[in-house]
Protein backbone atom coordinates (compact mmCIF):
# COMPACT_ATOMS: atom_id res chain seq x y z
CA UNK A 1 -16.71 -37.85 4.60
CA UNK A 2 -15.30 -34.36 4.37
CA UNK A 3 -15.21 -32.33 7.54
CA UNK A 4 -17.69 -29.52 7.97
CA UNK A 5 -16.46 -25.95 7.73
CA UNK A 6 -16.35 -24.06 10.93
CA UNK A 7 -15.27 -20.46 11.33
CA UNK A 8 -13.66 -20.16 14.78
CA UNK A 9 -14.17 -16.47 14.91
CA UNK A 10 -17.87 -16.68 14.11
CA UNK A 11 -19.00 -15.31 17.41
CA UNK A 12 -16.72 -12.31 17.09
CA UNK A 13 -17.93 -11.80 13.52
CA UNK A 14 -21.57 -11.74 14.85
CA UNK A 15 -20.50 -9.30 17.61
CA UNK A 16 -18.87 -7.06 14.99
CA UNK A 17 -22.05 -7.20 12.76
CA UNK A 18 -24.07 -6.12 15.80
CA UNK A 19 -21.68 -3.37 16.52
CA UNK A 20 -21.82 -2.12 12.96
CA UNK A 21 -25.70 -2.15 13.00
CA UNK A 22 -25.55 -0.24 16.39
CA UNK A 23 -23.23 2.41 14.97
CA UNK A 24 -25.21 2.89 11.80
CA UNK A 25 -28.34 3.36 14.00
CA UNK A 26 -26.59 5.90 16.16
CA UNK A 27 -25.38 7.64 12.92
CA UNK A 28 -28.98 7.72 11.61
CA UNK A 29 -30.20 9.21 15.04
CA UNK A 30 -27.53 11.90 14.86
CA UNK A 31 -28.54 12.70 11.30
CA UNK A 32 -32.06 12.87 12.36
CA UNK A 33 -31.27 15.32 15.17
CA UNK A 34 -29.31 17.43 12.67
CA UNK A 35 -32.21 17.36 10.28
CA UNK A 36 -34.60 18.58 13.07
CA UNK A 37 -32.18 21.44 13.88
CA UNK A 38 -31.96 22.39 10.12
CA UNK A 39 -35.81 22.33 9.92
CA UNK A 40 -35.91 24.55 13.11
CA UNK A 41 -33.46 26.95 11.39
CA UNK A 42 -35.63 27.17 8.24
CA UNK A 43 -38.75 27.70 10.32
CA UNK A 44 -36.86 30.32 12.32
CA UNK A 45 -35.85 32.02 9.16
CA UNK A 46 -39.42 32.11 7.93
CA UNK A 47 -40.61 33.39 11.31
CA UNK A 48 -38.03 36.18 11.20
CA UNK A 49 -38.83 37.03 7.71
CA UNK A 50 -42.54 37.34 8.60
CA UNK A 51 -41.73 39.40 11.63
CA UNK A 52 -39.53 41.88 9.67
CA UNK A 53 -42.22 42.29 6.98
CA UNK A 54 -44.86 43.06 9.57
CA UNK A 55 -42.55 45.41 11.37
CA UNK A 56 -41.81 47.09 8.04
CA UNK A 57 -45.45 47.54 7.30
CA UNK A 58 -45.94 48.77 10.82
CA UNK A 59 -43.04 51.24 10.47
CA UNK A 60 -44.43 52.54 7.14
CA UNK A 61 -47.76 53.50 8.76
CA UNK A 62 -45.86 55.27 11.48
CA UNK A 63 -48.40 54.11 14.09
CA UNK A 64 -46.08 52.94 16.80
CA UNK A 65 -45.02 54.12 20.20
CA UNK A 66 -42.10 53.52 22.53
CA UNK A 67 -43.68 50.40 24.03
CA UNK A 68 -44.04 48.99 20.46
CA UNK A 69 -40.40 49.77 19.61
CA UNK A 70 -39.33 48.20 22.99
CA UNK A 71 -41.33 45.08 22.24
CA UNK A 72 -39.87 44.90 18.75
CA UNK A 73 -36.36 45.24 20.08
CA UNK A 74 -36.91 42.58 22.70
CA UNK A 75 -38.36 40.20 20.16
CA UNK A 76 -35.66 40.91 17.65
CA UNK A 77 -33.14 40.14 20.39
CA UNK A 78 -34.87 36.97 21.23
CA UNK A 79 -34.89 35.95 17.55
CA UNK A 80 -31.22 36.65 17.30
CA UNK A 81 -30.33 34.58 20.54
CA UNK A 82 -32.55 31.77 19.31
CA UNK A 83 -30.78 31.71 15.84
CA UNK A 84 -27.46 31.79 17.50
CA UNK A 85 -28.43 28.88 19.74
CA UNK A 86 -29.70 26.94 16.75
CA UNK A 87 -26.46 27.51 14.86
CA UNK A 88 -24.45 26.42 17.86
CA UNK A 89 -26.50 23.22 18.17
CA UNK A 90 -26.22 22.64 14.44
CA UNK A 91 -22.36 22.83 14.67
CA UNK A 92 -22.50 20.47 17.61
CA UNK A 93 -24.53 17.87 15.87
CA UNK A 94 -22.56 18.23 12.64
CA UNK A 95 -19.57 17.29 14.68
CA UNK A 96 -21.39 14.42 16.37
CA UNK A 97 -22.73 13.17 12.94
CA UNK A 98 -19.02 13.09 11.73
CA UNK A 99 -17.89 11.33 14.82
CA UNK A 100 -20.55 8.76 14.57
CA UNK A 101 -19.95 8.26 10.84
CA UNK A 102 -16.26 7.61 11.50
CA UNK A 103 -17.35 5.11 14.20
CA UNK A 104 -19.68 3.39 11.76
CA UNK A 105 -16.96 3.25 9.10
CA UNK A 106 -14.57 1.78 11.62
CA UNK A 107 -17.05 -0.83 12.76
CA UNK A 108 -17.71 -1.68 9.07
CA UNK A 109 -14.05 -2.10 8.36
CA UNK A 110 -13.56 -4.33 11.35
CA UNK A 111 -16.50 -6.55 10.30
CA UNK A 112 -15.37 -6.61 6.72
CA UNK A 113 -11.94 -7.76 7.83
CA UNK A 114 -13.42 -10.83 9.57
CA UNK A 115 -15.70 -11.48 6.67
CA UNK A 116 -12.68 -11.49 4.33
CA UNK A 117 -10.84 -13.83 6.65
CA UNK A 118 -13.91 -16.17 6.71
CA UNK A 119 -14.18 -16.20 2.93
CA UNK A 120 -10.43 -16.99 2.63
CA UNK A 121 -10.75 -19.86 5.12
CA UNK A 122 -13.92 -21.07 3.33
CA UNK A 123 -12.04 -21.17 0.04
CA UNK A 124 -9.14 -23.00 1.67
CA UNK A 125 -11.62 -25.46 3.23
CA UNK A 126 -13.30 -25.96 -0.15
CA UNK A 127 -9.92 -26.67 -1.74
CA UNK A 128 -9.02 -29.10 0.96
CA UNK A 129 -12.42 -30.94 0.61
CA UNK A 130 -11.87 -31.02 -3.20
CA UNK A 131 -8.41 -32.50 -2.61
CA UNK A 132 -9.64 -35.15 -0.24
CA UNK A 133 -12.43 -36.13 -2.77
CA UNK A 134 -9.85 -36.35 -5.58
CA UNK A 135 -7.57 -38.56 -3.46
CA UNK A 136 -10.60 -40.78 -2.60
CA UNK A 137 -11.57 -41.05 -6.27
CA UNK A 138 -7.84 -41.81 -7.24
CA UNK A 139 -7.71 -44.53 -4.54
CA UNK A 140 -11.00 -46.06 -5.76
CA UNK A 141 -9.71 -45.94 -9.36
CA UNK A 142 -6.40 -47.56 -8.32
CA UNK A 143 -8.28 -50.31 -6.47
CA UNK A 144 -10.54 -50.80 -9.55
CA UNK A 145 -7.46 -50.99 -11.83
CA UNK A 146 -5.74 -53.49 -9.61
CA UNK A 147 -8.87 -55.60 -9.37
CA UNK A 148 -9.31 -55.58 -13.22
CA UNK A 149 -5.64 -56.45 -13.66
CA UNK A 150 -5.94 -59.42 -11.22
CA UNK A 151 -9.19 -60.52 -12.92
CA UNK A 152 -7.38 -60.47 -16.27
CA UNK A 153 -4.46 -62.37 -14.84
CA UNK A 154 -6.74 -64.89 -13.31
CA UNK A 155 -8.67 -65.20 -16.47
CA UNK A 156 -5.46 -65.65 -18.47
CA UNK A 157 -4.17 -68.32 -15.89
CA UNK A 158 -7.52 -70.19 -16.17
CA UNK A 159 -7.46 -69.88 -19.88
CA UNK A 160 -3.81 -71.27 -20.07
CA UNK A 161 -4.82 -74.06 -17.64
CA UNK A 162 -7.76 -74.97 -19.71
CA UNK A 163 -5.72 -75.63 -22.89
């Protein structure tokens, strides 16, 4: 009976598969955060556009006082600070996404390395089993040949004795 294939690094392979899954999940989370920030930037741009349109209309009518101008300036400054903060966060998360992408690629490479080793060992094992089976069949054929030859010899001897 052929021995069963056993990959000795199977536990390490499973660990690397888990690490790859974890890294891919972390990458997806970082991409999700980046998408949220990009959505916030789009919403911010819309909000700013709407504000500027309203202020433009307000300015055309000429019906504003110093308090309105002050409020406009403060809100405009707040919009600029908010956009600057969103852009800063966007850059940070872009770097984080890239860092996590590289970690996921590295984990994937490490897992693939072990998978390739396992496949190579499995092919070698299959060749070994095939060789064992072939040797077994050759041995059975040899034994059958010898038995037939002996049977023929015995039959010839009995035939010669019977004459």
